[in-house]
Amino acid sequence: MPRLMLALPALFAVALSSCSSQPQQPPAAPPLAGARIGGPFTLVDQNGRTVTERDFAGRYRIMYFGYTFCPDVCPTDMQNVGAAMRLLEKSNPSLASRVVPILVSVDPARDTPKVLKQFVSAFHRRMVGLTGTPEEIARVAKEYGIFFARGKGNKDGYLMEHSRQIYLMDPAGKPLALLPETPPQAMADEIVKWAK
């Protein structure tokens, strides 16, 4: 069964809980606890260094899949992630130091390490950009239940269709929650809520 299908019940539960008008007690477990999201990977970071999921062990991860040539959604989401990180650095510097924001490119043909470096450095000083071969990207996207596909266009002018989830993963790489896309304060609050 595809990982995306396995993650759908957890995502549906999160959506239902946000629609309820009755006050609710915070759940005892994070909303994505036990979901089959995430897994091992070997990719290349924005400095050209080969990294695996083990390089992020012991730190919370904000996982986002997008691409640098995205005209609107990805830059906006990355801007919000960067702003949330800066809010967290002010309100809870100890926790913020244990959170790493990660952008995994779904467009490895154009997102070289050099291109990724310029992109991620515009949003937060500790943001990591990851790329790899098309096969490596397809594998890690599948592990995270991410859909992506190349849209119409020529060699340089195409867009990529892709899922837009922002995952919060625990220090062991297990899923905790979906982070809200906006506002940055809501994203920072959700990190504080689930990062212990």
N, C-alpha and C. Protein backbone atom coordinates (compact mmCIF):
# COMPACT_ATOMS: atom_id res chain seq x y z
N MET A 1 0.85 -1.18 0.00
CA MET A 1 0.00 0.00 0.00
C MET A 1 0.89 1.24 0.00
N PRO A 2 0.66 2.22 -0.84
CA PRO A 2 1.52 3.40 -0.89
C PRO A 2 1.52 4.14 0.44
N ARG A 3 2.67 4.75 0.78
CA ARG A 3 2.79 5.47 2.04
C ARG A 3 1.80 6.62 2.13
N LEU A 4 1.51 7.26 1.00
CA LEU A 4 0.56 8.36 1.03
C LEU A 4 -0.79 7.87 1.52
N MET A 5 -1.21 6.68 1.07
CA MET A 5 -2.49 6.14 1.50
C MET A 5 -2.48 5.83 2.99
N LEU A 6 -1.32 5.37 3.50
CA LEU A 6 -1.22 5.06 4.91
C LEU A 6 -1.25 6.32 5.76
N ALA A 7 -0.77 7.44 5.20
CA ALA A 7 -0.74 8.70 5.94
C ALA A 7 -2.06 9.42 5.90
N LEU A 8 -2.94 9.08 4.94
CA LEU A 8 -4.19 9.80 4.78
C LEU A 8 -5.09 9.78 6.01
N PRO A 9 -5.25 8.65 6.74
CA PRO A 9 -6.10 8.70 7.94
C PRO A 9 -5.59 9.71 8.97
N ALA A 10 -4.29 9.80 9.15
CA ALA A 10 -3.75 10.76 10.11
C ALA A 10 -3.98 12.18 9.63
N LEU A 11 -3.80 12.42 8.33
CA LEU A 11 -4.03 13.76 7.78
C LEU A 11 -5.50 14.13 7.89
N PHE A 12 -6.40 13.18 7.67
CA PHE A 12 -7.84 13.42 7.76
C PHE A 12 -8.22 13.78 9.20
N ALA A 13 -7.63 13.08 10.15
CA ALA A 13 -7.91 13.36 11.55
C ALA A 13 -7.48 14.76 11.93
N VAL A 14 -6.34 15.20 11.42
CA VAL A 14 -5.86 16.56 11.69
C VAL A 14 -6.84 17.57 11.12
N ALA A 15 -7.30 17.34 9.89
CA ALA A 15 -8.24 18.26 9.25
C ALA A 15 -9.55 18.32 10.03
N LEU A 16 -10.06 17.18 10.49
CA LEU A 16 -11.31 17.17 11.25
C LEU A 16 -11.16 17.92 12.57
N SER A 17 -10.05 17.74 13.24
CA SER A 17 -9.88 18.39 14.54
C SER A 17 -9.81 19.90 14.39
N SER A 18 -9.29 20.39 13.25
CA SER A 18 -9.20 21.83 13.06
C SER A 18 -10.53 22.44 12.68
N CYS A 19 -11.51 21.61 12.24
CA CYS A 19 -12.83 22.11 11.84
C CYS A 19 -13.80 22.17 13.01
N SER A 20 -13.51 21.53 14.09
CA SER A 20 -14.44 21.46 15.21
C SER A 20 -14.52 22.81 15.93
N SER A 21 -15.73 23.21 16.31
CA SER A 21 -15.90 24.48 17.00
C SER A 21 -15.88 24.31 18.52
N GLN A 22 -15.91 23.07 19.01
CA GLN A 22 -15.91 22.84 20.44
C GLN A 22 -14.48 22.86 20.97
N PRO A 23 -14.28 23.43 22.18
CA PRO A 23 -12.93 23.41 22.74
C PRO A 23 -12.49 21.97 22.99
N GLN A 24 -11.25 21.70 22.70
CA GLN A 24 -10.74 20.34 22.84
C GLN A 24 -9.49 20.35 23.70
N GLN A 25 -9.30 19.26 24.43
CA GLN A 25 -8.06 19.08 25.16
C GLN A 25 -6.98 18.71 24.16
N PRO A 26 -5.75 19.17 24.39
CA PRO A 26 -4.70 18.76 23.47
C PRO A 26 -4.53 17.24 23.50
N PRO A 27 -4.34 16.62 22.34
CA PRO A 27 -4.18 15.17 22.33
C PRO A 27 -2.93 14.74 23.08
N ALA A 28 -2.98 13.55 23.64
CA ALA A 28 -1.85 13.04 24.39
C ALA A 28 -0.67 12.73 23.48
N ALA A 29 -0.98 12.34 22.24
CA ALA A 29 0.08 11.99 21.29
C ALA A 29 0.04 12.96 20.11
N PRO A 30 1.18 13.22 19.49
CA PRO A 30 1.20 14.08 18.30
C PRO A 30 0.29 13.50 17.22
N PRO A 31 -0.30 14.35 16.38
CA PRO A 31 -1.27 13.89 15.38
C PRO A 31 -0.73 12.86 14.38
N LEU A 32 0.55 12.92 14.08
CA LEU A 32 1.10 11.97 13.10
C LEU A 32 1.88 10.83 13.76
N ALA A 33 1.78 10.71 15.08
CA ALA A 33 2.50 9.63 15.76
C ALA A 33 2.08 8.29 15.19
N GLY A 34 3.05 7.49 14.83
CA GLY A 34 2.79 6.17 14.28
C GLY A 34 2.54 6.13 12.78
N ALA A 35 2.40 7.28 12.13
CA ALA A 35 2.19 7.29 10.68
C ALA A 35 3.46 6.84 9.97
N ARG A 36 3.29 6.16 8.86
CA ARG A 36 4.44 5.66 8.10
C ARG A 36 4.91 6.73 7.13
N ILE A 37 5.54 7.75 7.70
CA ILE A 37 6.06 8.89 6.94
C ILE A 37 7.53 9.05 7.29
N GLY A 38 8.37 9.18 6.28
CA GLY A 38 9.80 9.35 6.50
C GLY A 38 10.55 8.05 6.30
N GLY A 39 11.86 8.17 6.35
CA GLY A 39 12.70 7.00 6.16
C GLY A 39 14.11 7.40 5.78
N PRO A 40 14.94 6.41 5.53
CA PRO A 40 16.33 6.70 5.20
C PRO A 40 16.48 7.34 3.83
N PHE A 41 17.50 8.17 3.69
CA PHE A 41 17.82 8.76 2.39
C PHE A 41 19.29 9.10 2.32
N THR A 42 19.79 9.19 1.11
CA THR A 42 21.14 9.68 0.83
C THR A 42 20.99 10.71 -0.27
N LEU A 43 21.30 11.96 0.06
CA LEU A 43 21.16 13.07 -0.90
C LEU A 43 22.39 13.97 -0.82
N VAL A 44 22.37 15.06 -1.55
CA VAL A 44 23.48 16.01 -1.58
C VAL A 44 22.96 17.36 -1.09
N ASP A 45 23.71 17.99 -0.17
CA ASP A 45 23.24 19.27 0.34
C ASP A 45 23.72 20.44 -0.52
N GLN A 46 23.38 21.65 -0.10
CA GLN A 46 23.69 22.84 -0.90
C GLN A 46 25.18 23.14 -0.97
N ASN A 47 25.97 22.46 -0.16
CA ASN A 47 27.42 22.63 -0.21
C ASN A 47 28.10 21.51 -1.00
N GLY A 48 27.30 20.65 -1.63
CA GLY A 48 27.86 19.56 -2.42
C GLY A 48 28.26 18.36 -1.60
N ARG A 49 27.87 18.33 -0.33
CA ARG A 49 28.25 17.25 0.57
C ARG A 49 27.17 16.18 0.60
N THR A 50 27.55 14.91 0.54
CA THR A 50 26.60 13.82 0.65
C THR A 50 26.14 13.71 2.10
N VAL A 51 24.82 13.68 2.29
CA VAL A 51 24.25 13.57 3.63
C VAL A 51 23.19 12.47 3.64
N THR A 52 22.96 11.94 4.83
CA THR A 52 21.89 10.96 5.02
C THR A 52 21.01 11.46 6.16
N GLU A 53 19.93 10.76 6.41
CA GLU A 53 19.05 11.13 7.52
C GLU A 53 19.80 11.09 8.85
N ARG A 54 20.86 10.28 8.93
CA ARG A 54 21.63 10.18 10.18
C ARG A 54 22.35 11.48 10.52
N ASP A 55 22.63 12.31 9.50
CA ASP A 55 23.28 13.60 9.75
C ASP A 55 22.38 14.55 10.54
N PHE A 56 21.08 14.27 10.58
CA PHE A 56 20.14 15.12 11.30
C PHE A 56 19.64 14.48 12.59
N ALA A 57 20.23 13.35 12.95
CA ALA A 57 19.80 12.64 14.16
C ALA A 57 19.98 13.55 15.38
N GLY A 58 19.01 13.49 16.28
CA GLY A 58 19.07 14.29 17.48
C GLY A 58 18.46 15.68 17.33
N ARG A 59 18.00 16.01 16.12
CA ARG A 59 17.39 17.32 15.89
C ARG A 59 16.00 17.16 15.29
N TYR A 60 15.12 18.06 15.67
CA TYR A 60 13.82 18.12 15.03
C TYR A 60 14.02 18.63 13.61
N ARG A 61 13.20 18.14 12.68
CA ARG A 61 13.34 18.54 11.29
C ARG A 61 12.03 19.10 10.77
N ILE A 62 12.12 20.21 10.08
CA ILE A 62 10.98 20.71 9.31
C ILE A 62 11.25 20.26 7.88
N MET A 63 10.44 19.34 7.39
CA MET A 63 10.65 18.76 6.05
C MET A 63 9.65 19.34 5.05
N TYR A 64 10.20 19.90 3.98
CA TYR A 64 9.36 20.48 2.93
C TYR A 64 9.93 20.04 1.59
N PHE A 65 9.04 19.70 0.66
CA PHE A 65 9.45 19.31 -0.68
C PHE A 65 8.98 20.38 -1.66
N GLY A 66 9.91 20.94 -2.40
CA GLY A 66 9.59 22.00 -3.35
C GLY A 66 10.72 22.16 -4.35
N TYR A 67 10.79 23.34 -4.95
CA TYR A 67 11.87 23.57 -5.92
C TYR A 67 12.13 25.06 -6.08
N THR A 68 13.34 25.40 -6.48
CA THR A 68 13.78 26.79 -6.48
C THR A 68 13.17 27.61 -7.61
N PHE A 69 12.77 26.97 -8.70
CA PHE A 69 12.20 27.70 -9.83
C PHE A 69 10.70 27.93 -9.66
N CYS A 70 10.16 27.52 -8.54
CA CYS A 70 8.73 27.70 -8.24
C CYS A 70 8.43 29.21 -8.21
N PRO A 71 7.41 29.64 -8.95
CA PRO A 71 7.15 31.08 -9.04
C PRO A 71 6.45 31.69 -7.83
N ASP A 72 5.83 30.89 -6.98
CA ASP A 72 5.05 31.51 -5.91
C ASP A 72 4.99 30.70 -4.62
N VAL A 73 4.46 29.50 -4.65
CA VAL A 73 4.17 28.74 -3.43
C VAL A 73 5.43 28.42 -2.63
N CYS A 74 6.44 27.86 -3.26
CA CYS A 74 7.64 27.44 -2.52
C CYS A 74 8.37 28.61 -1.86
N PRO A 75 8.61 29.71 -2.57
CA PRO A 75 9.25 30.84 -1.88
C PRO A 75 8.42 31.37 -0.72
N THR A 76 7.11 31.39 -0.88
CA THR A 76 6.24 31.86 0.21
C THR A 76 6.33 30.92 1.40
N ASP A 77 6.25 29.62 1.15
CA ASP A 77 6.34 28.65 2.24
C ASP A 77 7.70 28.71 2.93
N MET A 78 8.78 28.85 2.15
CA MET A 78 10.11 28.92 2.74
C MET A 78 10.29 30.22 3.54
N GLN A 79 9.70 31.29 3.06
CA GLN A 79 9.74 32.55 3.79
C GLN A 79 9.04 32.39 5.15
N ASN A 80 7.91 31.70 5.16
CA ASN A 80 7.18 31.47 6.41
C ASN A 80 7.96 30.55 7.36
N VAL A 81 8.61 29.53 6.81
CA VAL A 81 9.44 28.65 7.63
C VAL A 81 10.58 29.45 8.26
N GLY A 82 11.24 30.27 7.45
CA GLY A 82 12.33 31.10 7.97
C GLY A 82 11.86 32.05 9.05
N ALA A 83 10.71 32.68 8.83
CA ALA A 83 10.15 33.60 9.83
C ALA A 83 9.78 32.86 11.11
N ALA A 84 9.21 31.67 10.98
CA ALA A 84 8.88 30.87 12.16
C ALA A 84 10.14 30.51 12.94
N MET A 85 11.20 30.18 12.23
CA MET A 85 12.46 29.86 12.91
C MET A 85 13.00 31.07 13.67
N ARG A 86 12.90 32.26 13.08
CA ARG A 86 13.39 33.45 13.76
C ARG A 86 12.53 33.77 15.01
N LEU A 87 11.22 33.56 14.91
CA LEU A 87 10.36 33.74 16.07
C LEU A 87 10.74 32.76 17.18
N LEU A 88 11.00 31.53 16.78
CA LEU A 88 11.39 30.50 17.74
C LEU A 88 12.74 30.83 18.38
N GLU A 89 13.65 31.37 17.59
CA GLU A 89 14.97 31.75 18.13
C GLU A 89 14.84 32.83 19.19
N LYS A 90 13.86 33.71 19.06
CA LYS A 90 13.65 34.76 20.05
C LYS A 90 12.94 34.23 21.30
N SER A 91 11.90 33.40 21.08
CA SER A 91 11.08 32.95 22.21
C SER A 91 11.64 31.72 22.93
N ASN A 92 12.35 30.86 22.20
CA ASN A 92 12.85 29.62 22.78
C ASN A 92 14.15 29.21 22.08
N PRO A 93 15.23 29.96 22.34
CA PRO A 93 16.48 29.71 21.61
C PRO A 93 17.03 28.30 21.78
N SER A 94 16.80 27.71 22.94
CA SER A 94 17.30 26.35 23.17
C SER A 94 16.63 25.36 22.21
N LEU A 95 15.31 25.46 22.10
CA LEU A 95 14.59 24.58 21.18
C LEU A 95 14.96 24.90 19.74
N ALA A 96 15.00 26.18 19.40
CA ALA A 96 15.31 26.58 18.02
C ALA A 96 16.65 26.00 17.55
N SER A 97 17.61 25.92 18.45
CA SER A 97 18.92 25.39 18.07
C SER A 97 18.87 23.90 17.73
N ARG A 98 17.77 23.23 18.14
CA ARG A 98 17.61 21.80 17.87
C ARG A 98 16.65 21.52 16.72
N VAL A 99 16.29 22.57 15.97
CA VAL A 99 15.39 22.42 14.82
C VAL A 99 16.14 22.79 13.55
N VAL A 100 16.06 21.93 12.55
CA VAL A 100 16.69 22.23 11.26
C VAL A 100 15.63 22.22 10.17
N PRO A 101 15.48 23.35 9.46
CA PRO A 101 14.54 23.38 8.33
C PRO A 101 15.21 22.81 7.08
N ILE A 102 14.51 21.92 6.39
CA ILE A 102 15.08 21.21 5.24
C ILE A 102 14.15 21.33 4.04
N LEU A 103 14.70 21.76 2.92
CA LEU A 103 13.99 21.76 1.64
C LEU A 103 14.56 20.64 0.79
N VAL A 104 13.72 19.70 0.40
CA VAL A 104 14.14 18.64 -0.53
C VAL A 104 13.62 19.01 -1.91
N SER A 105 14.50 19.14 -2.88
CA SER A 105 14.09 19.54 -4.22
C SER A 105 13.37 18.41 -4.94
N VAL A 106 12.27 18.77 -5.61
CA VAL A 106 11.58 17.81 -6.48
C VAL A 106 11.94 18.08 -7.95
N ASP A 107 12.95 18.92 -8.15
CA ASP A 107 13.39 19.30 -9.49
C ASP A 107 14.91 19.18 -9.60
N PRO A 108 15.44 17.95 -9.43
CA PRO A 108 16.89 17.80 -9.38
C PRO A 108 17.59 18.18 -10.68
N ALA A 109 16.88 18.19 -11.80
CA ALA A 109 17.50 18.56 -13.07
C ALA A 109 18.01 20.00 -13.04
N ARG A 110 17.30 20.88 -12.38
CA ARG A 110 17.72 22.28 -12.32
C ARG A 110 18.28 22.68 -10.96
N ASP A 111 17.86 21.99 -9.90
CA ASP A 111 18.29 22.38 -8.56
C ASP A 111 19.62 21.72 -8.20
N THR A 112 20.68 22.31 -8.72
CA THR A 112 22.02 21.88 -8.36
C THR A 112 22.34 22.40 -6.95
N PRO A 113 23.38 21.88 -6.32
CA PRO A 113 23.76 22.42 -5.02
C PRO A 113 23.98 23.94 -5.04
N LYS A 114 24.60 24.44 -6.08
CA LYS A 114 24.86 25.89 -6.17
C LYS A 114 23.55 26.68 -6.21
N VAL A 115 22.59 26.22 -6.98
CA VAL A 115 21.28 26.89 -7.08
C VAL A 115 20.56 26.80 -5.74
N LEU A 116 20.59 25.64 -5.12
CA LEU A 116 19.95 25.46 -3.82
C LEU A 116 20.57 26.36 -2.75
N LYS A 117 21.89 26.51 -2.79
CA LYS A 117 22.57 27.32 -1.78
C LYS A 117 22.09 28.76 -1.83
N GLN A 118 21.99 29.30 -3.01
CA GLN A 118 21.51 30.67 -3.16
C GLN A 118 20.07 30.80 -2.67
N PHE A 119 19.26 29.80 -2.98
CA PHE A 119 17.84 29.83 -2.62
C PHE A 119 17.64 29.74 -1.12
N VAL A 120 18.16 28.70 -0.47
CA VAL A 120 17.88 28.49 0.96
C VAL A 120 18.51 29.57 1.83
N SER A 121 19.65 30.11 1.41
CA SER A 121 20.30 31.14 2.22
C SER A 121 19.49 32.43 2.27
N ALA A 122 18.56 32.59 1.36
CA ALA A 122 17.70 33.78 1.37
C ALA A 122 16.63 33.72 2.45
N PHE A 123 16.39 32.54 3.03
CA PHE A 123 15.28 32.37 3.96
C PHE A 123 15.70 32.16 5.42
N HIS A 124 16.76 31.41 5.63
CA HIS A 124 17.25 31.22 7.00
C HIS A 124 18.68 30.69 6.92
N ARG A 125 19.50 31.18 7.83
CA ARG A 125 20.94 30.85 7.79
C ARG A 125 21.22 29.36 8.00
N ARG A 126 20.29 28.65 8.67
CA ARG A 126 20.52 27.22 8.91
C ARG A 126 19.65 26.32 8.04
N MET A 127 18.95 26.90 7.09
CA MET A 127 18.12 26.07 6.22
C MET A 127 19.02 25.21 5.32
N VAL A 128 18.64 23.96 5.19
CA VAL A 128 19.40 23.00 4.38
C VAL A 128 18.61 22.71 3.10
N GLY A 129 19.31 22.72 1.98
CA GLY A 129 18.71 22.32 0.71
C GLY A 129 19.28 20.98 0.28
N LEU A 130 18.43 20.06 -0.14
CA LEU A 130 18.89 18.73 -0.54
C LEU A 130 18.43 18.42 -1.95
N THR A 131 19.32 17.81 -2.72
CA THR A 131 19.00 17.36 -4.07
C THR A 131 19.65 16.00 -4.28
N GLY A 132 19.47 15.45 -5.46
CA GLY A 132 20.04 14.14 -5.75
C GLY A 132 19.68 13.73 -7.16
N THR A 133 19.84 12.47 -7.45
CA THR A 133 19.44 11.97 -8.77
C THR A 133 17.92 11.88 -8.80
N PRO A 134 17.34 11.83 -9.99
CA PRO A 134 15.88 11.66 -10.06
C PRO A 134 15.40 10.43 -9.28
N GLU A 135 16.16 9.36 -9.32
CA GLU A 135 15.78 8.14 -8.61
C GLU A 135 15.82 8.34 -7.09
N GLU A 136 16.85 9.03 -6.61
CA GLU A 136 16.97 9.29 -5.18
C GLU A 136 15.83 10.19 -4.69
N ILE A 137 15.52 11.21 -5.48
CA ILE A 137 14.43 12.12 -5.11
C ILE A 137 13.10 11.38 -5.11
N ALA A 138 12.87 10.55 -6.13
CA ALA A 138 11.62 9.78 -6.18
C ALA A 138 11.50 8.87 -4.97
N ARG A 139 12.60 8.29 -4.54
CA ARG A 139 12.58 7.38 -3.40
C ARG A 139 12.24 8.11 -2.11
N VAL A 140 12.89 9.25 -1.85
CA VAL A 140 12.63 9.96 -0.60
C VAL A 140 11.24 10.59 -0.62
N ALA A 141 10.78 11.05 -1.79
CA ALA A 141 9.42 11.59 -1.89
C ALA A 141 8.39 10.51 -1.55
N LYS A 142 8.62 9.31 -2.03
CA LYS A 142 7.71 8.20 -1.72
C LYS A 142 7.69 7.91 -0.22
N GLU A 143 8.85 7.95 0.41
CA GLU A 143 8.94 7.70 1.85
C GLU A 143 8.11 8.72 2.65
N TYR A 144 8.02 9.94 2.11
CA TYR A 144 7.30 11.00 2.80
C TYR A 144 5.89 11.21 2.26
N GLY A 145 5.44 10.34 1.38
CA GLY A 145 4.09 10.46 0.84
C GLY A 145 3.89 11.70 0.00
N ILE A 146 4.93 12.12 -0.71
CA ILE A 146 4.89 13.34 -1.52
C ILE A 146 4.66 13.00 -2.98
N PHE A 147 3.67 13.65 -3.56
CA PHE A 147 3.43 13.56 -5.00
C PHE A 147 4.20 14.68 -5.69
N PHE A 148 4.83 14.36 -6.82
CA PHE A 148 5.39 15.41 -7.66
C PHE A 148 5.44 14.91 -9.10
N ALA A 149 5.33 15.85 -10.04
CA ALA A 149 5.39 15.52 -11.45
C ALA A 149 5.78 16.77 -12.23
N ARG A 150 6.50 16.56 -13.29
CA ARG A 150 6.87 17.68 -14.14
C ARG A 150 5.66 18.11 -14.97
N GLY A 151 5.41 19.40 -15.00
CA GLY A 151 4.31 19.94 -15.79
C GLY A 151 4.73 20.20 -17.22
N LYS A 152 3.84 20.80 -17.98
CA LYS A 152 4.14 21.10 -19.38
C LYS A 152 5.14 22.25 -19.47
N GLY A 153 5.82 22.29 -20.59
CA GLY A 153 6.79 23.36 -20.83
C GLY A 153 8.01 22.83 -21.51
N ASN A 154 8.92 23.72 -21.85
CA ASN A 154 10.15 23.31 -22.52
C ASN A 154 11.22 22.94 -21.50
N LYS A 155 12.42 22.73 -21.97
CA LYS A 155 13.50 22.24 -21.13
C LYS A 155 13.75 23.13 -19.91
N ASP A 156 13.66 24.43 -20.08
CA ASP A 156 13.97 25.35 -18.99
C ASP A 156 12.73 26.02 -18.39
N GLY A 157 11.61 26.00 -19.09
CA GLY A 157 10.47 26.78 -18.66
C GLY A 157 9.33 26.01 -18.06
N TYR A 158 9.57 24.81 -17.57
CA TYR A 158 8.48 24.00 -17.02
C TYR A 158 8.27 24.29 -15.54
N LEU A 159 7.09 23.93 -15.06
CA LEU A 159 6.77 23.99 -13.64
C LEU A 159 6.69 22.56 -13.10
N MET A 160 6.80 22.44 -11.79
CA MET A 160 6.65 21.15 -11.15
C MET A 160 5.38 21.17 -10.30
N GLU A 161 4.56 20.14 -10.47
CA GLU A 161 3.41 19.95 -9.58
C GLU A 161 3.91 19.13 -8.39
N HIS A 162 3.48 19.53 -7.19
CA HIS A 162 3.95 18.77 -6.02
C HIS A 162 3.06 19.00 -4.81
N SER A 163 3.10 18.04 -3.89
CA SER A 163 2.41 18.17 -2.60
C SER A 163 3.05 19.31 -1.82
N ARG A 164 2.27 19.82 -0.86
CA ARG A 164 2.73 21.02 -0.16
C ARG A 164 2.82 20.82 1.36
N GLN A 165 2.88 19.61 1.84
CA GLN A 165 2.95 19.38 3.27
C GLN A 165 4.23 19.95 3.88
N ILE A 166 4.11 20.43 5.11
CA ILE A 166 5.28 20.83 5.89
C ILE A 166 5.26 19.94 7.13
N TYR A 167 6.16 18.98 7.15
CA TYR A 167 6.20 18.01 8.25
C TYR A 167 7.13 18.46 9.37
N LEU A 168 6.72 18.20 10.60
CA LEU A 168 7.63 18.29 11.74
C LEU A 168 7.98 16.87 12.12
N MET A 169 9.27 16.58 12.08
CA MET A 169 9.77 15.24 12.42
C MET A 169 10.54 15.33 13.74
N ASP A 170 10.50 14.25 14.50
CA ASP A 170 11.18 14.26 15.80
C ASP A 170 12.68 13.97 15.62
N PRO A 171 13.47 14.02 16.72
CA PRO A 171 14.92 13.80 16.60
C PRO A 171 15.33 12.43 16.08
N ALA A 172 14.39 11.47 16.09
CA ALA A 172 14.66 10.15 15.54
C ALA A 172 14.16 10.03 14.10
N GLY A 173 13.62 11.11 13.55
CA GLY A 173 13.11 11.10 12.17
C GLY A 173 11.70 10.58 12.03
N LYS A 174 10.97 10.48 13.15
CA LYS A 174 9.58 10.03 13.11
C LYS A 174 8.65 11.23 12.99
N PRO A 175 7.51 11.08 12.32
CA PRO A 175 6.61 12.22 12.12
C PRO A 175 5.87 12.60 13.40
N LEU A 176 5.76 13.91 13.62
CA LEU A 176 5.01 14.43 14.76
C LEU A 176 3.72 15.11 14.31
N ALA A 177 3.83 16.06 13.36
CA ALA A 177 2.66 16.85 12.99
C ALA A 177 2.88 17.51 11.64
N LEU A 178 1.77 17.94 11.04
CA LEU A 178 1.81 18.83 9.89
C LEU A 178 1.84 20.25 10.42
N LEU A 179 2.74 21.06 9.91
CA LEU A 179 2.80 22.45 10.35
C LEU A 179 1.91 23.31 9.46
N PRO A 180 1.24 24.31 10.05
CA PRO A 180 0.43 25.20 9.23
C PRO A 180 1.33 26.01 8.30
N GLU A 181 0.83 26.32 7.11
CA GLU A 181 1.63 27.07 6.14
C GLU A 181 1.82 28.52 6.58
N THR A 182 0.83 29.06 7.26
CA THR A 182 0.87 30.46 7.67
C THR A 182 -0.12 30.66 8.80
N PRO A 183 0.06 31.64 9.67
CA PRO A 183 1.18 32.58 9.74
C PRO A 183 2.38 31.94 10.42
N PRO A 184 3.54 32.58 10.32
CA PRO A 184 4.74 32.00 10.94
C PRO A 184 4.59 31.75 12.44
N GLN A 185 3.84 32.61 13.14
CA GLN A 185 3.66 32.40 14.58
C GLN A 185 2.94 31.09 14.86
N ALA A 186 1.95 30.76 14.03
CA ALA A 186 1.22 29.50 14.21
C ALA A 186 2.16 28.31 13.98
N MET A 187 3.05 28.44 13.02
CA MET A 187 4.02 27.38 12.76
C MET A 187 4.96 27.23 13.95
N ALA A 188 5.46 28.35 14.48
CA ALA A 188 6.35 28.30 15.64
C ALA A 188 5.63 27.71 16.85
N ASP A 189 4.38 28.11 17.05
CA ASP A 189 3.60 27.58 18.19
C ASP A 189 3.41 26.07 18.08
N GLU A 190 3.20 25.59 16.87
CA GLU A 190 3.00 24.14 16.68
C GLU A 190 4.28 23.37 16.96
N ILE A 191 5.42 23.96 16.61
CA ILE A 191 6.70 23.31 16.91
C ILE A 191 6.88 23.21 18.42
N VAL A 192 6.62 24.31 19.13
CA VAL A 192 6.74 24.31 20.59
C VAL A 192 5.78 23.27 21.21
N LYS A 193 4.60 23.17 20.65
CA LYS A 193 3.58 22.25 21.18
C LYS A 193 4.05 20.80 21.15
N TRP A 194 4.72 20.41 20.07
CA TRP A 194 5.04 18.99 19.91
C TRP A 194 6.50 18.64 20.17
N ALA A 195 7.38 19.62 20.18
CA ALA A 195 8.80 19.33 20.45
C ALA A 195 9.02 19.35 21.96
N LYS A 196 9.42 18.25 22.49
CA LYS A 196 9.60 18.13 23.95
C LYS A 196 11.07 18.14 24.29
